[in-house]
Amino acid sequence: MKESFGTDWSSPPGGKMSWPELLGVTAEEAERKIKEEKPELKIHIIPPNSMVTMDYRLDRVRLFVDESGKVAQEPRLG
């Protein structure tokens, strides 16, 4: 699959695809750590009970947070 802007998203980029060690940290800390490793990724912070699209994007990491703003699900590409 190729996007119109020429980026090939048919295979994952090298390196990590998930960050289980970030469970329980603040969204800001998780975003900082992910950006240190993969600065090209877009980070989306998702509040509790929010709806999200079902599309799979290898340039995105969603941070699902709890009421206190801490990461509640393992962050992963997609």
PDB file of N, CA and C in Angstrom:
ATOM      1  N   MET A   1       0.845  -1.171   0.000  1.00  0.00           N
ATOM      2  CA  MET A   1       0.000   0.000   0.000  1.00  0.00           C
ATOM      3  C   MET A   1       0.889   1.232   0.000  1.00  0.00           C
ATOM      4  N   LYS A   2       0.681   2.123  -0.911  1.00  0.00           N
ATOM      5  CA  LYS A   2       1.449   3.364  -0.970  1.00  0.00           C
ATOM      6  C   LYS A   2       0.501   4.541  -0.808  1.00  0.00           C
ATOM      7  N   GLU A   3       0.894   5.482   0.049  1.00  0.00           N
ATOM      8  CA  GLU A   3       0.147   6.720   0.204  1.00  0.00           C
ATOM      9  C   GLU A   3       0.483   7.628  -0.968  1.00  0.00           C
ATOM     10  N   SER A   4      -0.365   8.595  -1.216  1.00  0.00           N
ATOM     11  CA  SER A   4      -0.154   9.489  -2.348  1.00  0.00           C
ATOM     12  C   SER A   4       1.115  10.315  -2.215  1.00  0.00           C
ATOM     13  N   PHE A   5       1.601  10.511  -1.002  1.00  0.00           N
ATOM     14  CA  PHE A   5       2.808  11.303  -0.822  1.00  0.00           C
ATOM     15  C   PHE A   5       4.067  10.458  -0.920  1.00  0.00           C
ATOM     16  N   GLY A   6       3.942   9.181  -1.304  1.00  0.00           N
ATOM     17  CA  GLY A   6       5.106   8.369  -1.626  1.00  0.00           C
ATOM     18  C   GLY A   6       5.669   7.525  -0.511  1.00  0.00           C
ATOM     19  N   THR A   7       5.109   7.568   0.671  1.00  0.00           N
ATOM     20  CA  THR A   7       5.611   6.750   1.765  1.00  0.00           C
ATOM     21  C   THR A   7       5.033   5.351   1.667  1.00  0.00           C
ATOM     22  N   ASP A   8       5.874   4.359   1.781  1.00  0.00           N
ATOM     23  CA  ASP A   8       5.434   2.967   1.710  1.00  0.00           C
ATOM     24  C   ASP A   8       5.150   2.466   3.117  1.00  0.00           C
ATOM     25  N   TRP A   9       3.866   2.202   3.431  1.00  0.00           N
ATOM     26  CA  TRP A   9       3.469   1.723   4.758  1.00  0.00           C
ATOM     27  C   TRP A   9       3.110   0.237   4.724  1.00  0.00           C
ATOM     28  N   SER A  10       3.538  -0.481   3.703  1.00  0.00           N
ATOM     29  CA  SER A  10       3.170  -1.891   3.596  1.00  0.00           C
ATOM     30  C   SER A  10       3.959  -2.773   4.550  1.00  0.00           C
ATOM     31  N   SER A  11       5.073  -2.289   5.059  1.00  0.00           N
ATOM     32  CA  SER A  11       5.842  -3.048   6.045  1.00  0.00           C
ATOM     33  C   SER A  11       6.292  -2.100   7.142  1.00  0.00           C
ATOM     34  N   PRO A  12       6.382  -2.586   8.372  1.00  0.00           N
ATOM     35  CA  PRO A  12       6.733  -1.712   9.487  1.00  0.00           C
ATOM     36  C   PRO A  12       8.158  -1.193   9.374  1.00  0.00           C
ATOM     37  N   PRO A  13       8.376   0.036   9.857  1.00  0.00           N
ATOM     38  CA  PRO A  13       9.736   0.552   9.892  1.00  0.00           C
ATOM     39  C   PRO A  13      10.561  -0.247  10.891  1.00  0.00           C
ATOM     40  N   GLY A  14      11.867  -0.165  10.800  1.00  0.00           N
ATOM     41  CA  GLY A  14      12.724  -0.922  11.709  1.00  0.00           C
ATOM     42  C   GLY A  14      12.546  -0.502  13.155  1.00  0.00           C
ATOM     43  N   GLY A  15      12.923  -1.381  14.045  1.00  0.00           N
ATOM     44  CA  GLY A  15      12.883  -1.050  15.469  1.00  0.00           C
ATOM     45  C   GLY A  15      11.625  -1.510  16.163  1.00  0.00           C
ATOM     46  N   LYS A  16      11.395  -0.899  17.303  1.00  0.00           N
ATOM     47  CA  LYS A  16      10.289  -1.273  18.177  1.00  0.00           C
ATOM     48  C   LYS A  16       8.926  -1.037  17.548  1.00  0.00           C
ATOM     49  N   MET A  17       7.985  -1.884  17.936  1.00  0.00           N
ATOM     50  CA  MET A  17       6.603  -1.707  17.498  1.00  0.00           C
ATOM     51  C   MET A  17       5.659  -1.527  18.677  1.00  0.00           C
ATOM     52  N   SER A  18       6.143  -1.780  19.906  1.00  0.00           N
ATOM     53  CA  SER A  18       5.315  -1.575  21.094  1.00  0.00           C
ATOM     54  C   SER A  18       6.215  -1.191  22.267  1.00  0.00           C
ATOM     55  N   TRP A  19       5.593  -0.596  23.285  1.00  0.00           N
ATOM     56  CA  TRP A  19       6.326  -0.081  24.441  1.00  0.00           C
ATOM     57  C   TRP A  19       5.621  -0.509  25.733  1.00  0.00           C
ATOM     58  N   PRO A  20       5.675  -1.795  26.095  1.00  0.00           N
ATOM     59  CA  PRO A  20       4.985  -2.258  27.307  1.00  0.00           C
ATOM     60  C   PRO A  20       5.538  -1.629  28.582  1.00  0.00           C
ATOM     61  N   GLU A  21       6.776  -1.195  28.547  1.00  0.00           N
ATOM     62  CA  GLU A  21       7.394  -0.597  29.737  1.00  0.00           C
ATOM     63  C   GLU A  21       6.793   0.765  30.091  1.00  0.00           C
ATOM     64  N   LEU A  22       5.963   1.315  29.216  1.00  0.00           N
ATOM     65  CA  LEU A  22       5.378   2.633  29.470  1.00  0.00           C
ATOM     66  C   LEU A  22       4.010   2.571  30.145  1.00  0.00           C
ATOM     67  N   LEU A  23       3.519   1.375  30.409  1.00  0.00           N
ATOM     68  CA  LEU A  23       2.251   1.252  31.142  1.00  0.00           C
ATOM     69  C   LEU A  23       2.388   1.919  32.506  1.00  0.00           C
ATOM     70  N   GLY A  24       1.432   2.777  32.841  1.00  0.00           N
ATOM     71  CA  GLY A  24       1.414   3.413  34.149  1.00  0.00           C
ATOM     72  C   GLY A  24       2.157   4.732  34.245  1.00  0.00           C
ATOM     73  N   VAL A  25       2.908   5.118  33.222  1.00  0.00           N
ATOM     74  CA  VAL A  25       3.587   6.419  33.259  1.00  0.00           C
ATOM     75  C   VAL A  25       2.649   7.476  32.678  1.00  0.00           C
ATOM     76  N   THR A  26       2.965   8.744  32.886  1.00  0.00           N
ATOM     77  CA  THR A  26       2.120   9.801  32.337  1.00  0.00           C
ATOM     78  C   THR A  26       2.207   9.809  30.814  1.00  0.00           C
ATOM     79  N   ALA A  27       1.178  10.337  30.188  1.00  0.00           N
ATOM     80  CA  ALA A  27       1.159  10.417  28.726  1.00  0.00           C
ATOM     81  C   ALA A  27       2.326  11.252  28.216  1.00  0.00           C
ATOM     82  N   GLU A  28       2.657  12.312  28.926  1.00  0.00           N
ATOM     83  CA  GLU A  28       3.754  13.185  28.503  1.00  0.00           C
ATOM     84  C   GLU A  28       5.087  12.450  28.544  1.00  0.00           C
ATOM     85  N   GLU A  29       5.306  11.682  29.603  1.00  0.00           N
ATOM     86  CA  GLU A  29       6.548  10.903  29.723  1.00  0.00           C
ATOM     87  C   GLU A  29       6.606   9.824  28.642  1.00  0.00           C
ATOM     88  N   ALA A  30       5.486   9.150  28.402  1.00  0.00           N
ATOM     89  CA  ALA A  30       5.446   8.116  27.365  1.00  0.00           C
ATOM     90  C   ALA A  30       5.728   8.724  25.998  1.00  0.00           C
ATOM     91  N   GLU A  31       5.125   9.861  25.712  1.00  0.00           N
ATOM     92  CA  GLU A  31       5.360  10.518  24.421  1.00  0.00           C
ATOM     93  C   GLU A  31       6.836  10.888  24.273  1.00  0.00           C
ATOM     94  N   ARG A  32       7.429  11.434  25.323  1.00  0.00           N
ATOM     95  CA  ARG A  32       8.842  11.821  25.275  1.00  0.00           C
ATOM     96  C   ARG A  32       9.728  10.618  24.980  1.00  0.00           C
ATOM     97  N   LYS A  33       9.481   9.503  25.670  1.00  0.00           N
ATOM     98  CA  LYS A  33      10.318   8.312  25.476  1.00  0.00           C
ATOM     99  C   LYS A  33      10.154   7.723  24.076  1.00  0.00           C
ATOM    100  N   ILE A  34       8.934   7.676  23.579  1.00  0.00           N
ATOM    101  CA  ILE A  34       8.712   7.147  22.228  1.00  0.00           C
ATOM    102  C   ILE A  34       9.389   8.047  21.202  1.00  0.00           C
ATOM    103  N   LYS A  35       9.245   9.358  21.354  1.00  0.00           N
ATOM    104  CA  LYS A  35       9.856  10.306  20.412  1.00  0.00           C
ATOM    105  C   LYS A  35      11.381  10.241  20.450  1.00  0.00           C
ATOM    106  N   GLU A  36      11.966   9.913  21.610  1.00  0.00           N
ATOM    107  CA  GLU A  36      13.422   9.744  21.691  1.00  0.00           C
ATOM    108  C   GLU A  36      13.875   8.601  20.789  1.00  0.00           C
ATOM    109  N   GLU A  37      13.097   7.532  20.771  1.00  0.00           N
ATOM    110  CA  GLU A  37      13.444   6.354  19.980  1.00  0.00           C
ATOM    111  C   GLU A  37      13.033   6.484  18.518  1.00  0.00           C
ATOM    112  N   LYS A  38      11.874   7.080  18.280  1.00  0.00           N
ATOM    113  CA  LYS A  38      11.321   7.158  16.916  1.00  0.00           C
ATOM    114  C   LYS A  38      10.682   8.537  16.716  1.00  0.00           C
ATOM    115  N   PRO A  39      11.498   9.545  16.463  1.00  0.00           N
ATOM    116  CA  PRO A  39      10.967  10.914  16.358  1.00  0.00           C
ATOM    117  C   PRO A  39       9.993  11.127  15.201  1.00  0.00           C
ATOM    118  N   GLU A  40       9.980  10.223  14.241  1.00  0.00           N
ATOM    119  CA  GLU A  40       9.096  10.382  13.081  1.00  0.00           C
ATOM    120  C   GLU A  40       7.647   9.999  13.369  1.00  0.00           C
ATOM    121  N   LEU A  41       7.392   9.369  14.513  1.00  0.00           N
ATOM    122  CA  LEU A  41       6.037   8.906  14.814  1.00  0.00           C
ATOM    123  C   LEU A  41       5.135  10.038  15.282  1.00  0.00           C
ATOM    124  N   LYS A  42       3.854   9.912  14.952  1.00  0.00           N
ATOM    125  CA  LYS A  42       2.829  10.820  15.451  1.00  0.00           C
ATOM    126  C   LYS A  42       2.229  10.158  16.688  1.00  0.00           C
ATOM    127  N   ILE A  43       2.140  10.901  17.769  1.00  0.00           N
ATOM    128  CA  ILE A  43       1.599  10.380  19.021  1.00  0.00           C
ATOM    129  C   ILE A  43       0.218  10.990  19.238  1.00  0.00           C
ATOM    130  N   HIS A  44      -0.776  10.141  19.468  1.00  0.00           N
ATOM    131  CA  HIS A  44      -2.135  10.597  19.757  1.00  0.00           C
ATOM    132  C   HIS A  44      -2.482  10.166  21.177  1.00  0.00           C
ATOM    133  N   ILE A  45      -2.854  11.119  22.017  1.00  0.00           N
ATOM    134  CA  ILE A  45      -3.274  10.814  23.385  1.00  0.00           C
ATOM    135  C   ILE A  45      -4.789  10.662  23.372  1.00  0.00           C
ATOM    136  N   ILE A  46      -5.254   9.491  23.820  1.00  0.00           N
ATOM    137  CA  ILE A  46      -6.674   9.144  23.755  1.00  0.00           C
ATOM    138  C   ILE A  46      -7.240   9.081  25.176  1.00  0.00           C
ATOM    139  N   PRO A  47      -8.137  10.015  25.528  1.00  0.00           N
ATOM    140  CA  PRO A  47      -8.758  10.003  26.855  1.00  0.00           C
ATOM    141  C   PRO A  47      -9.677   8.792  27.042  1.00  0.00           C
ATOM    142  N   PRO A  48     -10.037   8.496  28.300  1.00  0.00           N
ATOM    143  CA  PRO A  48     -10.940   7.370  28.567  1.00  0.00           C
ATOM    144  C   PRO A  48     -12.260   7.509  27.806  1.00  0.00           C
ATOM    145  N   ASN A  49     -12.783   6.394  27.362  1.00  0.00           N
ATOM    146  CA  ASN A  49     -14.081   6.298  26.688  1.00  0.00           C
ATOM    147  C   ASN A  49     -14.157   7.062  25.369  1.00  0.00           C
ATOM    148  N   SER A  50     -13.028   7.353  24.762  1.00  0.00           N
ATOM    149  CA  SER A  50     -13.020   8.051  23.474  1.00  0.00           C
ATOM    150  C   SER A  50     -13.141   7.056  22.330  1.00  0.00           C
ATOM    151  N   MET A  51     -13.774   7.495  21.262  1.00  0.00           N
ATOM    152  CA  MET A  51     -13.867   6.676  20.058  1.00  0.00           C
ATOM    153  C   MET A  51     -12.655   6.962  19.182  1.00  0.00           C
ATOM    154  N   VAL A  52     -12.182   5.938  18.488  1.00  0.00           N
ATOM    155  CA  VAL A  52     -11.070   6.093  17.552  1.00  0.00           C
ATOM    156  C   VAL A  52     -11.417   5.380  16.252  1.00  0.00           C
ATOM    157  N   THR A  53     -10.753   5.774  15.181  1.00  0.00           N
ATOM    158  CA  THR A  53     -10.946   5.103  13.901  1.00  0.00           C
ATOM    159  C   THR A  53     -10.259   3.743  13.945  1.00  0.00           C
ATOM    160  N   MET A  54     -10.643   2.865  13.047  1.00  0.00           N
ATOM    161  CA  MET A  54     -10.081   1.515  13.027  1.00  0.00           C
ATOM    162  C   MET A  54      -8.951   1.365  12.014  1.00  0.00           C
ATOM    163  N   ASP A  55      -8.522   2.458  11.389  1.00  0.00           N
ATOM    164  CA  ASP A  55      -7.439   2.360  10.413  1.00  0.00           C
ATOM    165  C   ASP A  55      -6.121   2.037  11.110  1.00  0.00           C
ATOM    166  N   TYR A  56      -5.255   1.353  10.396  1.00  0.00           N
ATOM    167  CA  TYR A  56      -3.957   0.928  10.929  1.00  0.00           C
ATOM    168  C   TYR A  56      -2.881   1.759  10.263  1.00  0.00           C
ATOM    169  N   ARG A  57      -2.143   2.528  11.061  1.00  0.00           N
ATOM    170  CA  ARG A  57      -1.110   3.410  10.524  1.00  0.00           C
ATOM    171  C   ARG A  57       0.212   3.134  11.229  1.00  0.00           C
ATOM    172  N   LEU A  58       1.221   2.837  10.447  1.00  0.00           N
ATOM    173  CA  LEU A  58       2.536   2.540  11.011  1.00  0.00           C
ATOM    174  C   LEU A  58       3.328   3.788  11.368  1.00  0.00           C
ATOM    175  N   ASP A  59       2.729   4.949  11.184  1.00  0.00           N
ATOM    176  CA  ASP A  59       3.392   6.190  11.594  1.00  0.00           C
ATOM    177  C   ASP A  59       2.731   6.785  12.835  1.00  0.00           C
ATOM    178  N   ARG A  60       1.879   5.993  13.507  1.00  0.00           N
ATOM    179  CA  ARG A  60       1.113   6.506  14.640  1.00  0.00           C
ATOM    180  C   ARG A  60       1.201   5.563  15.838  1.00  0.00           C
ATOM    181  N   VAL A  61       1.258   6.179  17.019  1.00  0.00           N
ATOM    182  CA  VAL A  61       1.116   5.450  18.279  1.00  0.00           C
ATOM    183  C   VAL A  61       0.014   6.150  19.060  1.00  0.00           C
ATOM    184  N   ARG A  62      -0.956   5.378  19.498  1.00  0.00           N
ATOM    185  CA  ARG A  62      -2.016   5.922  20.347  1.00  0.00           C
ATOM    186  C   ARG A  62      -1.687   5.615  21.797  1.00  0.00           C
ATOM    187  N   LEU A  63      -1.802   6.639  22.627  1.00  0.00           N
ATOM    188  CA  LEU A  63      -1.611   6.472  24.062  1.00  0.00           C
ATOM    189  C   LEU A  63      -2.987   6.540  24.712  1.00  0.00           C
ATOM    190  N   PHE A  64      -3.520   5.383  25.086  1.00  0.00           N
ATOM    191  CA  PHE A  64      -4.802   5.322  25.775  1.00  0.00           C
ATOM    192  C   PHE A  64      -4.535   5.569  27.254  1.00  0.00           C
ATOM    193  N   VAL A  65      -5.112   6.653  27.784  1.00  0.00           N
ATOM    194  CA  VAL A  65      -4.830   7.038  29.165  1.00  0.00           C
ATOM    195  C   VAL A  65      -6.055   6.846  30.046  1.00  0.00           C
ATOM    196  N   ASP A  66      -5.799   6.731  31.346  1.00  0.00           N
ATOM    197  CA  ASP A  66      -6.881   6.635  32.317  1.00  0.00           C
ATOM    198  C   ASP A  66      -7.263   8.040  32.795  1.00  0.00           C
ATOM    199  N   GLU A  67      -8.149   8.111  33.786  1.00  0.00           N
ATOM    200  CA  GLU A  67      -8.636   9.391  34.295  1.00  0.00           C
ATOM    201  C   GLU A  67      -7.529  10.256  34.879  1.00  0.00           C
ATOM    202  N   SER A  68      -6.446   9.644  35.330  1.00  0.00           N
ATOM    203  CA  SER A  68      -5.336  10.406  35.913  1.00  0.00           C
ATOM    204  C   SER A  68      -4.276  10.784  34.880  1.00  0.00           C
ATOM    205  N   GLY A  69      -4.506  10.446  33.604  1.00  0.00           N
ATOM    206  CA  GLY A  69      -3.565  10.808  32.553  1.00  0.00           C
ATOM    207  C   GLY A  69      -2.398   9.856  32.395  1.00  0.00           C
ATOM    208  N   LYS A  70      -2.519   8.665  32.998  1.00  0.00           N
ATOM    209  CA  LYS A  70      -1.456   7.664  32.875  1.00  0.00           C
ATOM    210  C   LYS A  70      -1.818   6.627  31.817  1.00  0.00           C
ATOM    211  N   VAL A  71      -0.804   6.098  31.162  1.00  0.00           N
ATOM    212  CA  VAL A  71      -0.998   5.128  30.081  1.00  0.00           C
ATOM    213  C   VAL A  71      -1.655   3.864  30.637  1.00  0.00           C
ATOM    214  N   ALA A  72      -2.812   3.502  30.059  1.00  0.00           N
ATOM    215  CA  ALA A  72      -3.608   2.386  30.564  1.00  0.00           C
ATOM    216  C   ALA A  72      -3.532   1.138  29.686  1.00  0.00           C
ATOM    217  N   GLN A  73      -3.070   1.284  28.432  1.00  0.00           N
ATOM    218  CA  GLN A  73      -2.904   0.152  27.518  1.00  0.00           C
ATOM    219  C   GLN A  73      -1.519   0.236  26.904  1.00  0.00           C
ATOM    220  N   GLU A  74      -0.979  -0.916  26.566  1.00  0.00           N
ATOM    221  CA  GLU A  74       0.354  -0.955  25.967  1.00  0.00           C
ATOM    222  C   GLU A  74       0.394  -0.136  24.680  1.00  0.00           C
ATOM    223  N   PRO A  75       1.245   0.894  24.624  1.00  0.00           N
ATOM    224  CA  PRO A  75       1.365   1.666  23.386  1.00  0.00           C
ATOM    225  C   PRO A  75       1.972   0.810  22.277  1.00  0.00           C
ATOM    226  N   ARG A  76       1.418   0.936  21.072  1.00  0.00           N
ATOM    227  CA  ARG A  76       1.932   0.174  19.931  1.00  0.00           C
ATOM    228  C   ARG A  76       1.668   0.939  18.643  1.00  0.00           C
ATOM    229  N   LEU A  77       2.445   0.602  17.625  1.00  0.00           N
ATOM    230  CA  LEU A  77       2.218   1.193  16.311  1.00  0.00           C
ATOM    231  C   LEU A  77       0.836   0.817  15.816  1.00  0.00           C
ATOM    232  N   GLY A  78       0.233   1.686  15.073  1.00  0.00           N
ATOM    233  CA  GLY A  78      -1.040   1.385  14.455  1.00  0.00           C
ATOM    234  C   GLY A  78      -1.989   2.510  14.595  1.00  0.00           C
TER     235      GLY A  78
END
